Protein backbone atom coordinates (compact mmCIF):
# COMPACT_ATOMS: atom_id res chain seq x y z
CA UNK A 1 0.00 0.00 0.00
CA UNK A 2 1.53 3.34 -1.06
CA UNK A 3 1.47 6.55 0.98
CA UNK A 4 -1.54 8.04 -0.82
CA UNK A 5 -3.57 4.87 -0.30
CA UNK A 6 -2.65 4.81 3.36
CA UNK A 7 -3.61 8.45 3.67
CA UNK A 8 -6.96 7.80 2.03
CA UNK A 9 -7.57 4.87 4.34
CA UNK A 10 -6.96 6.97 7.41
CA UNK A 11 -9.25 9.67 6.03
CA UNK A 12 -12.06 7.17 5.47
CA UNK A 13 -11.63 5.76 8.94
CA UNK A 14 -11.77 9.20 10.51
CA UNK A 15 -14.51 10.70 8.38
CA UNK A 16 -17.27 9.56 10.65
CA UNK A 17 -15.42 10.99 13.62
CA UNK A 18 -14.97 14.35 11.86
CA UNK A 19 -18.67 14.52 11.02
CA UNK A 20 -19.62 13.51 14.54
CA UNK A 21 -17.49 16.25 16.04
CA UNK A 22 -18.93 18.75 13.56
CA UNK A 23 -22.43 17.78 14.65
CA UNK A 24 -21.50 18.21 18.29
CA UNK A 25 -20.08 21.67 17.55
CA UNK A 26 -23.36 22.65 16.01
CA UNK A 27 -25.29 21.26 18.94
CA UNK A 28 -23.34 23.30 21.47
CA UNK A 29 -23.64 26.38 19.20
CA UNK A 30 -22.63 29.50 20.99
CA UNK A 31 -21.36 27.46 23.92
CA UNK A 32 -18.79 25.68 21.95
CA UNK A 33 -15.29 30.43 19.38
CA UNK A 34 0.94 53.32 8.13
CA UNK A 35 8.49 60.59 2.10
CA UNK A 36 10.10 61.55 0.32
CA UNK A 37 7.11 64.09 -0.50
CA UNK A 38 10.20 69.72 -4.03
CA UNK A 39 8.28 71.85 -6.56
CA UNK A 40 5.89 74.63 -5.66
CA UNK A 41 2.30 73.88 -4.64
CA UNK A 42 -0.68 74.92 -6.75
CA UNK A 43 -2.03 77.42 -4.23
CA UNK A 44 -0.43 79.89 -1.83
CA UNK A 45 -1.25 77.46 0.95
CA UNK A 46 1.20 74.62 1.33
CA UNK A 47 1.35 71.21 2.87
CA UNK A 48 3.69 71.05 5.83
CA UNK A 49 6.28 68.31 5.47
CA UNK A 50 8.87 67.52 8.13
CA UNK A 51 11.55 68.07 7.26
CA UNK A 52 12.12 69.65 3.79
CA UNK A 53 13.47 67.89 0.64
CA UNK A 54 16.22 66.30 2.69
CA UNK A 55 13.72 64.59 4.98
CA UNK A 56 15.19 62.54 7.75
CA UNK A 57 13.65 59.35 8.97
CA UNK A 58 11.94 59.21 12.30
CA UNK A 59 14.55 58.95 15.08
CA UNK A 60 15.63 55.79 16.83
CA UNK A 61 15.16 52.99 16.17
CA UNK A 62 16.22 53.00 12.49
CA UNK A 63 13.71 50.24 11.88
CA UNK A 64 10.34 51.33 13.25
CA UNK A 65 8.78 49.32 16.05
CA UNK A 66 5.91 47.06 15.20
CA UNK A 67 2.61 48.93 15.09
CA UNK A 68 -0.32 48.00 12.95
CA UNK A 69 -3.35 49.78 14.36
CA UNK A 70 -4.03 52.79 16.53
CA UNK A 71 -6.55 50.85 18.60
CA UNK A 72 -3.93 48.26 19.58
CA UNK A 73 -5.41 44.88 18.56
CA UNK A 74 -4.56 42.07 20.90
CA UNK A 75 -3.74 38.45 20.18
CA UNK A 76 -6.74 36.17 19.88
CA UNK A 77 -6.98 33.98 22.98
CA UNK A 78 -6.60 30.23 22.74
CA UNK A 79 -10.15 29.36 23.71
CA UNK A 80 -13.27 30.43 25.53
CA UNK A 81 -15.18 33.69 25.70
CA UNK A 82 -14.05 36.61 23.49
CA UNK A 83 -14.56 40.23 24.48
CA UNK A 84 -15.73 42.40 21.58
CA UNK A 85 -12.83 44.18 19.89
CA UNK A 86 -10.08 43.92 17.27
CA UNK A 87 -7.75 40.93 17.39
CA UNK A 88 -4.61 39.61 15.74
CA UNK A 89 -3.94 36.03 14.67
CA UNK A 90 -0.36 35.20 13.64
CA UNK A 91 0.15 33.42 10.32
CA UNK A 92 0.59 29.74 11.17
CA UNK A 93 3.93 28.04 10.72
CA UNK A 94 5.87 31.33 10.61
CA UNK A 95 8.08 32.52 13.48
CA UNK A 96 6.59 35.31 15.60
CA UNK A 97 9.02 38.20 16.13
CA UNK A 98 9.17 40.29 19.25
CA UNK A 99 7.54 43.71 18.81
CA UNK A 100 10.70 45.63 19.81
CA UNK A 101 12.69 44.16 16.92
CA UNK A 102 10.63 46.23 14.46
CA UNK A 103 9.83 43.21 12.31
CA UNK A 104 6.32 42.84 10.98
CA UNK A 105 4.51 39.72 12.11
CA UNK A 106 2.44 38.29 9.25
CA UNK A 107 -1.11 37.56 10.26
CA UNK A 108 -4.77 38.54 10.21
CA UNK A 109 -6.55 41.35 12.02
CA UNK A 110 -10.28 41.11 12.46
CA UNK A 111 -13.01 42.69 14.58
CA UNK A 112 -15.27 40.40 16.60
CA UNK A 113 -18.62 41.49 18.10
CA UNK A 114 -19.89 40.28 21.45
CA UNK A 115 -21.05 36.71 21.91
CA UNK A 116 -18.43 34.84 19.90
CA UNK A 117 -16.34 32.05 21.38
CA UNK A 118 -13.20 30.17 20.42
CA UNK A 119 -13.40 26.41 20.21
CA UNK A 120 -11.17 24.32 22.41
CA UNK A 121 -7.66 23.41 21.27
CA UNK A 122 -7.58 20.16 19.31
CA UNK A 123 -10.99 20.75 17.81
CA UNK A 124 -11.83 20.16 14.17
CA UNK A 125 -10.53 22.03 12.25
CA UNK A 126 -7.32 22.64 14.21
CA UNK A 127 -6.88 26.25 12.98
CA UNK A 128 -8.38 29.22 14.90
CA UNK A 129 -12.16 28.87 14.86
CA UNK A 130 -14.82 31.16 16.32
CA UNK A 131 -18.44 30.16 16.77
CA UNK A 132 -21.81 31.71 17.50
CA UNK A 133 -25.39 30.50 17.10
CA UNK A 134 -24.53 27.30 15.20
CA UNK A 135 -22.13 29.19 12.91
CA UNK A 136 -18.39 28.59 12.63
CA UNK A 137 -15.68 30.82 11.11
CA UNK A 138 -12.25 29.22 10.61
CA UNK A 139 -9.00 31.00 9.69
CA UNK A 140 -5.91 29.66 7.91
CA UNK A 141 -7.50 26.44 6.72
CA UNK A 142 -4.89 23.89 5.70
CA UNK A 143 -5.78 21.90 2.58
CA UNK A 144 -3.73 18.94 1.38
CA UNK A 145 -6.39 16.75 -0.32
CA UNK A 146 -9.80 17.58 -1.80
CA UNK A 147 -12.60 15.04 -1.96
CA UNK A 148 -13.26 14.26 -5.62
CA UNK A 149 -16.96 13.37 -5.19
CA UNK A 150 -18.50 14.79 -2.03
CA UNK A 151 -21.64 12.70 -2.50
CA UNK A 152 -19.83 9.35 -2.77
CA UNK A 153 -20.24 6.67 -0.13
CA UNK A 154 -17.46 6.21 2.37
CA UNK A 155 -16.10 3.13 0.62
CA UNK A 156 -15.86 5.00 -2.68
CA UNK A 157 -14.23 8.17 -1.41
CA UNK A 158 -11.30 9.48 -3.47
CA UNK A 159 -8.94 12.12 -2.08
CA UNK A 160 -7.04 14.18 -4.67
CA UNK A 161 -3.76 15.81 -3.62
CA UNK A 162 -3.76 19.63 -3.93
CA UNK A 163 -0.74 21.90 -4.43
CA UNK A 164 0.05 24.82 -2.17
CA UNK A 165 -1.04 27.81 -4.29
CA UNK A 166 -4.39 29.60 -4.41
CA UNK A 167 -4.75 28.55 -8.04
CA UNK A 168 -4.21 24.89 -7.13
CA UNK A 169 -7.12 24.98 -4.72
CA UNK A 170 -9.37 26.91 -7.11
CA UNK A 171 -8.79 24.27 -9.79
CA UNK A 172 -9.49 21.45 -7.34
CA UNK A 173 -12.76 23.03 -6.19
CA UNK A 174 -13.81 23.61 -9.80
CA UNK A 175 -13.32 19.91 -10.55
CA UNK A 176 -15.10 18.70 -7.40
CA UNK A 177 -18.50 17.07 -7.91
CA UNK A 178 -21.32 16.00 -5.62
CA UNK A 179 -21.90 19.42 -4.09
CA UNK A 180 -24.17 22.36 -4.95
CA UNK A 181 -21.71 25.20 -5.60
CA UNK A 182 -22.02 28.84 -6.62
CA UNK A 183 -18.98 30.89 -7.60
CA UNK A 184 -16.22 31.63 -7.75
CA UNK A 185 -17.06 35.28 -7.21
CA UNK A 186 -14.18 37.77 -7.38
CA UNK A 187 -13.87 39.51 -4.00
CA UNK A 188 -11.20 41.03 -1.75
CA UNK A 189 -10.01 39.69 1.57
CA UNK A 190 -8.19 42.63 3.09
CA UNK A 191 -6.50 44.12 0.04
CA UNK A 192 -5.89 40.85 -1.71
CA UNK A 193 -7.80 39.21 -4.58
CA UNK A 194 -9.83 36.23 -3.50
CA UNK A 195 -12.36 33.77 -4.86
CA UNK A 196 -15.56 33.18 -2.90
CA UNK A 197 -17.54 29.94 -3.11
CA UNK A 198 -20.85 29.08 -1.49
CA UNK A 199 -21.47 25.35 -1.02
CA UNK A 200 -24.73 23.60 -0.11
CA UNK A 201 -24.81 19.94 0.80
CA UNK A 202 -27.47 18.02 -1.18
CA UNK A 203 -30.01 16.31 1.07
CA UNK A 204 -30.24 13.34 -1.27
CA UNK A 205 -26.61 12.25 -0.80
CA UNK A 206 -26.21 8.80 0.80
CA UNK A 207 -24.14 8.04 3.82
CA UNK A 208 -23.67 9.89 7.07
CA UNK A 209 -25.05 13.20 8.26
CA UNK A 210 -22.90 15.47 6.12
CA UNK A 211 -19.76 15.04 4.04
CA UNK A 212 -16.16 16.16 4.00
CA UNK A 213 -15.05 18.74 1.41
CA UNK A 214 -11.31 18.51 1.95
CA UNK A 215 -8.64 17.25 4.31
CA UNK A 216 -5.56 18.96 5.66
CA UNK A 217 -2.82 18.13 8.11
CA UNK A 218 -3.98 15.28 10.38
CA UNK A 219 -6.31 12.86 8.61
CA UNK A 220 -9.16 13.67 10.98
CA UNK A 221 -9.02 17.40 10.25
CA UNK A 222 -10.53 19.28 7.35
CA UNK A 223 -13.71 21.03 6.28
CA UNK A 224 -17.14 19.40 6.31
CA UNK A 225 -20.69 20.57 5.66
CA UNK A 226 -23.72 19.01 7.33
CA UNK A 227 -26.70 17.86 5.32
CA UNK A 228 -28.83 20.92 4.67
CA UNK A 229 -25.98 23.15 5.74
CA UNK A 230 -24.22 25.99 3.94
CA UNK A 231 -20.46 26.55 3.68
CA UNK A 232 -18.57 29.60 2.41
CA UNK A 233 -14.96 29.41 1.23
CA UNK A 234 -12.60 32.34 0.59
CA UNK A 235 -9.37 31.49 -1.25
CA UNK A 236 -7.02 34.50 -1.26
CA UNK A 237 -3.60 34.95 -2.89
CA UNK A 238 -1.44 36.92 -0.45
CA UNK A 239 1.83 37.59 -2.27
CA UNK A 240 1.89 33.99 -3.54
CA UNK A 241 0.85 32.65 -0.12
CA UNK A 242 -2.52 30.93 0.01
CA UNK A 243 -4.98 32.07 2.65
CA UNK A 244 -8.15 30.02 3.13
CA UNK A 245 -11.00 31.22 5.33
CA UNK A 246 -14.21 29.22 5.73
CA UNK A 247 -17.56 29.47 7.44
CA UNK A 248 -20.30 26.87 7.77
CA UNK A 249 -23.65 26.82 9.45
CA UNK A 250 -27.05 25.22 9.77
CA UNK A 251 -29.88 26.90 11.64
CA UNK A 252 -27.76 30.06 12.20
CA UNK A 253 -29.67 33.20 13.15
CA UNK A 254 -29.93 36.17 10.79
CA UNK A 255 -28.11 38.30 13.37
CA UNK A 256 -25.17 35.89 13.42
CA UNK A 257 -25.02 35.80 9.61
CA UNK A 258 -25.01 39.62 9.50
CA UNK A 259 -22.17 39.65 12.03
CA UNK A 260 -20.29 37.06 9.96
CA UNK A 261 -20.36 39.36 6.91
CA UNK A 262 -19.08 42.24 9.07
CA UNK A 263 -16.25 40.09 10.45
CA UNK A 264 -15.13 39.07 6.95
CA UNK A 265 -15.28 42.74 5.84
CA UNK A 266 -13.14 43.74 8.84
CA UNK A 267 -10.27 41.40 7.91
CA UNK A 268 -6.91 43.00 7.22
CA UNK A 269 -3.55 41.31 6.72
CA UNK A 270 -0.51 42.55 8.62
CA UNK A 271 1.08 45.24 6.41
CA UNK A 272 3.11 44.47 4.46
CA UNK A 273 2.96 40.66 4.45
CA UNK A 274 6.33 38.94 4.31
CA UNK A 275 8.10 42.24 3.48
CA UNK A 276 11.89 42.10 3.74
CA UNK A 277 12.87 45.74 3.03
CA UNK A 278 10.78 48.10 5.13
CA UNK A 279 12.93 51.12 4.08
CA UNK A 280 12.96 54.36 6.09
CA UNK A 281 10.07 56.08 7.79
CA UNK A 282 9.05 59.71 7.09
CA UNK A 283 6.56 62.09 8.69
CA UNK A 284 4.42 64.81 7.13
CA UNK A 285 1.20 66.75 7.56
CA UNK A 286 -1.41 66.57 4.82
CA UNK A 287 -4.12 69.23 5.04
CA UNK A 288 -3.70 69.32 8.80
CA UNK A 289 -3.53 65.54 9.16
CA UNK A 290 -0.23 64.32 10.68
CA UNK A 291 0.92 60.96 9.42
CA UNK A 292 4.02 58.90 8.76
CA UNK A 293 4.84 56.17 6.26
CA UNK A 294 7.61 53.80 5.21
CA UNK A 295 9.27 54.04 1.78
CA UNK A 296 11.43 51.24 0.36
CA UNK A 297 15.00 52.34 -0.23
CA UNK A 298 15.90 53.35 -3.78
CA UNK A 299 14.06 55.05 -6.62
CA UNK A 300 11.26 57.04 -5.02
CA UNK A 301 11.39 60.85 -5.56
CA UNK A 302 9.49 63.55 -3.76
CA UNK A 303 7.38 66.01 -5.79
CA UNK A 304 6.38 69.03 -3.70
CA UNK A 305 4.04 68.20 -0.87
CA UNK A 306 1.62 66.28 -3.03
CA UNK A 307 3.17 63.09 -4.34
CA UNK A 308 6.06 60.71 -4.54
CA UNK A 309 7.03 59.22 -7.92
CA UNK A 310 9.20 56.38 -9.10
CA UNK A 311 10.75 55.56 -12.50
CA UNK A 312 11.74 51.97 -13.15
CA UNK A 313 12.35 52.13 -16.93
CA UNK A 314 14.70 55.14 -17.19
CA UNK A 315 15.64 58.50 -15.62
CA UNK A 316 12.33 60.19 -16.47
CA UNK A 317 8.62 59.43 -16.88
CA UNK A 318 7.47 57.80 -13.69
CA UNK A 319 5.78 54.46 -13.95
CA UNK A 320 4.37 54.78 -10.45
CA UNK A 321 3.03 57.64 -8.34
CA UNK A 322 1.27 58.11 -4.99
CA UNK A 323 -0.52 61.33 -4.07
CA UNK A 324 -2.63 62.44 -1.11
CA UNK A 325 -5.15 65.19 -0.50
CA UNK A 326 -8.48 65.72 1.22
CA UNK A 327 -11.98 66.11 -0.17
CA UNK A 328 -13.72 68.51 -0.51
CA UNK A 329 -11.43 70.99 1.32
CA UNK A 330 -8.11 70.20 -0.42
CA UNK A 331 -5.19 72.53 0.38
CA UNK A 332 -2.47 71.68 -2.15
CA UNK A 333 -4.61 70.38 -5.01
CA UNK A 334 -7.67 71.38 -7.01
CA UNK A 335 -10.57 68.97 -7.37
CA UNK A 336 -11.62 68.31 -10.97
CA UNK A 337 -15.36 68.93 -10.87
CA UNK A 338 -15.91 66.86 -14.03
CA UNK A 339 -14.67 63.83 -12.11
CA UNK A 340 -15.78 64.56 -8.53
CA UNK A 341 -18.80 66.82 -8.39
CA UNK A 342 -19.20 69.22 -5.43
CA UNK A 343 -22.60 67.68 -4.70
CA UNK A 344 -21.09 64.37 -3.50
CA UNK A 345 -22.51 63.39 -0.12
CA UNK A 346 -20.60 63.70 3.16
CA UNK A 347 -19.59 60.08 3.84
CA UNK A 348 -16.65 57.98 2.65
CA UNK A 349 -19.19 55.66 1.05
CA UNK A 350 -20.60 58.57 -0.97
CA UNK A 351 -17.14 59.54 -2.20
CA UNK A 352 -16.19 55.92 -2.90
CA UNK A 353 -19.34 55.44 -4.99
CA UNK A 354 -18.50 58.57 -7.01
CA UNK A 355 -14.95 57.31 -7.61
CA UNK A 356 -16.19 53.85 -8.58
CA UNK A 357 -18.52 55.42 -11.16
CA UNK A 358 -16.11 58.11 -12.40
CA UNK A 359 -16.47 58.93 -16.12
CA UNK A 360 -13.76 57.51 -18.32
CA UNK A 361 -12.93 54.58 -16.06
CA UNK A 362 -13.66 50.90 -15.70
CA UNK A 363 -14.19 49.54 -12.21
CA UNK A 364 -11.80 46.67 -11.43
CA UNK A 365 -12.45 46.13 -7.73
CA UNK A 366 -14.43 47.61 -4.86
CA UNK A 367 -15.55 49.70 -3.23
CA UNK A 368 -14.27 47.39 -0.50
CA UNK A 369 -14.13 47.96 3.24
CA UNK A 370 -10.51 47.81 4.43
CA UNK A 371 -8.43 49.52 7.14
CA UNK A 372 -5.43 51.85 7.33
CA UNK A 373 -3.89 52.00 10.79
CA UNK A 374 -7.15 50.68 12.15
CA UNK A 375 -9.24 53.41 10.47
CA UNK A 376 -12.26 52.56 8.34
CA UNK A 377 -11.23 52.91 4.69
CA UNK A 378 -12.84 52.45 1.30
CA UNK A 379 -10.65 50.85 -1.39
CA UNK A 380 -11.31 51.08 -5.16
CA UNK A 381 -9.28 49.94 -8.17
CA UNK A 382 -9.95 51.55 -11.57
CA UNK A 383 -8.64 51.24 -15.11
CA UNK A 384 -8.45 54.52 -17.03
CA UNK A 385 -10.22 54.30 -20.39
CA UNK A 386 -10.46 58.01 -21.43
CA UNK A 387 -8.30 61.11 -21.02
CA UNK A 388 -10.54 63.45 -19.03
CA UNK A 389 -8.09 66.38 -19.02
CA UNK A 390 -7.52 66.41 -15.26
CA UNK A 391 -3.78 66.03 -14.88
CA UNK A 392 -1.68 64.80 -13.31
CA UNK A 393 -3.97 62.93 -10.87
CA UNK A 394 -7.17 62.31 -12.88
CA UNK A 395 -9.37 63.28 -9.92
CA UNK A 396 -7.17 66.18 -8.71
CA UNK A 397 -4.79 68.61 -10.44
CA UNK A 398 -1.67 70.37 -9.17
CA UNK A 399 1.50 71.94 -10.61
CA UNK A 400 3.72 69.06 -11.68
CA UNK A 401 7.49 69.45 -11.86
CA UNK A 402 9.58 68.99 -15.00
CA UNK A 403 12.52 66.65 -14.66
CA UNK A 404 13.23 63.52 -12.73
CA UNK A 405 10.51 60.94 -12.30
CA UNK A 406 7.66 62.92 -13.85
CA UNK A 407 4.02 61.89 -13.76
CA UNK A 408 2.60 64.60 -16.00
CA UNK A 409 -0.67 62.92 -16.89
CA UNK A 410 -2.89 59.98 -16.02
CA UNK A 411 -3.67 58.38 -19.36
CA UNK A 412 -5.78 55.60 -20.89
CA UNK A 413 -4.31 52.25 -19.89
CA UNK A 414 -3.18 53.45 -16.46
CA UNK A 415 -4.44 51.88 -13.25
CA UNK A 416 -5.54 53.91 -10.22
CA UNK A 417 -5.84 52.51 -6.71
CA UNK A 418 -7.77 54.76 -4.33
CA UNK A 419 -7.99 54.67 -0.55
CA UNK A 420 -10.53 56.97 1.17
CA UNK A 421 -9.93 57.13 4.92
CA UNK A 422 -12.45 58.39 7.44
CA UNK A 423 -10.51 60.52 9.96
CA UNK A 424 -13.15 61.77 12.37
CA UNK A 425 -15.23 63.31 9.59
CA UNK A 426 -12.32 64.37 7.33
CA UNK A 427 -11.97 62.31 4.18
CA UNK A 428 -8.33 61.66 3.27
CA UNK A 429 -7.95 60.71 -0.41
CA UNK A 430 -4.88 58.63 -1.27
CA UNK A 431 -4.30 57.42 -4.83
CA UNK A 432 -1.64 55.23 -6.40
CA UNK A 433 -1.21 55.36 -10.17
CA UNK A 434 0.71 52.91 -12.34
CA UNK A 435 1.52 52.83 -16.04
CA UNK A 436 0.85 49.66 -18.05
CA UNK A 437 4.58 48.79 -17.97
CA UNK A 438 4.99 49.38 -14.22
CA UNK A 439 5.23 45.69 -13.39
CA UNK A 440 3.89 43.80 -10.37
CA UNK A 441 6.83 44.72 -8.13
CA UNK A 442 6.08 48.45 -8.37
CA UNK A 443 2.37 47.83 -7.89
CA UNK A 444 3.17 45.87 -4.74
CA UNK A 445 5.46 48.66 -3.47
CA UNK A 446 2.61 51.16 -3.79
CA UNK A 447 0.32 48.87 -1.81
CA UNK A 448 2.99 48.42 0.87
CA UNK A 449 3.73 52.16 1.19
CA UNK A 450 0.08 53.07 1.60
CA UNK A 451 -0.57 50.26 4.01
CA UNK A 452 2.41 51.35 6.15
CA UNK A 453 0.69 54.66 7.04
CA UNK A 454 0.27 55.53 10.71
CA UNK A 455 -1.86 58.45 11.84
CA UNK A 456 -0.55 60.45 14.83
């Protein structure tokens, strides 16, 4: 008997146990889970940047201490009752660094309402799992084998080995039969592209009360759905690392399902995941808002108080640019009324909707609910299809410099990523633009710089 056969045998033997434990978990229900920003500004008013073009990094230590949210999320406890608040769960199988080393600990941040509990250690699945009202949410699901036919009898079960990438799992789920499946739907988990699947277990399947969808790690672990139950799977690609988050329920209350959606929307991933070069940290004030951010060493140039630009293909013409301003009371920029009308409502959602529907663009992603330094943020990704004459920032205009890494215009074919942060009623507008030949590395740098922002 080869290793795969032995593995399948152990899985068959333990399937009943896995389903039994899943049933028990449902029975117990809720008892069981933050630059280089020289040129003159457009108006007489100017953005204060500390210090001037020869900005110095924040003093000691040279590598900033670990900080990921102003409301100080705490580590998720091992088990038992959970107080409402924001929590951190370290990425499994990666060493956790001490906070005073300044190294970023990869992991998930999420906000949990009252009434959720953690299952006991050793439960199925073995990854962090929170429960409420017959509903389970599991983080960092480990998948090694997917059941080929979910509806097959125990004796006919076939387990298909799955590779370690997000694509590997998406392909395996696409080929799986014996389950009612909708999706994949393109969504975001944190800032990262993900596929969402909704699974419903057919009542007419033979065999025990419910069936296993996949296995991972120990043969008695994995993901199962009870007969008549519903399971949701999120498969995210986090810088080539696969993140799998699942939920499953039967008889869950509407209130618990609403809270589940809010928990998923609150997920952020420790910025920047698996980053090696955190660069130097700089402080500035944007329209009265003090903030600091980290910039990777090499290539980024400061343009007045409005943007930082980077050229990766030669000495001029920037392929990437990040700018910041506020709406509607911008200090160093002018709003282009053809793109953002003065009548836009007062909330970040209103502004995000206007950006998502901006003339001359195609919506790629969002508006999605994400977080910057713990602050509620709307995130939108757009492709530029028409030149709307609002340069250099498409939504805002300012006096661009000539020379160096110039971003003189946002043109058809460019991509714009927009973050709109709610800062106690002030809407901070941050945008990252990339040219078609920017490359994924520059796109990732922009994401990392924005996500490194801390608000004082």
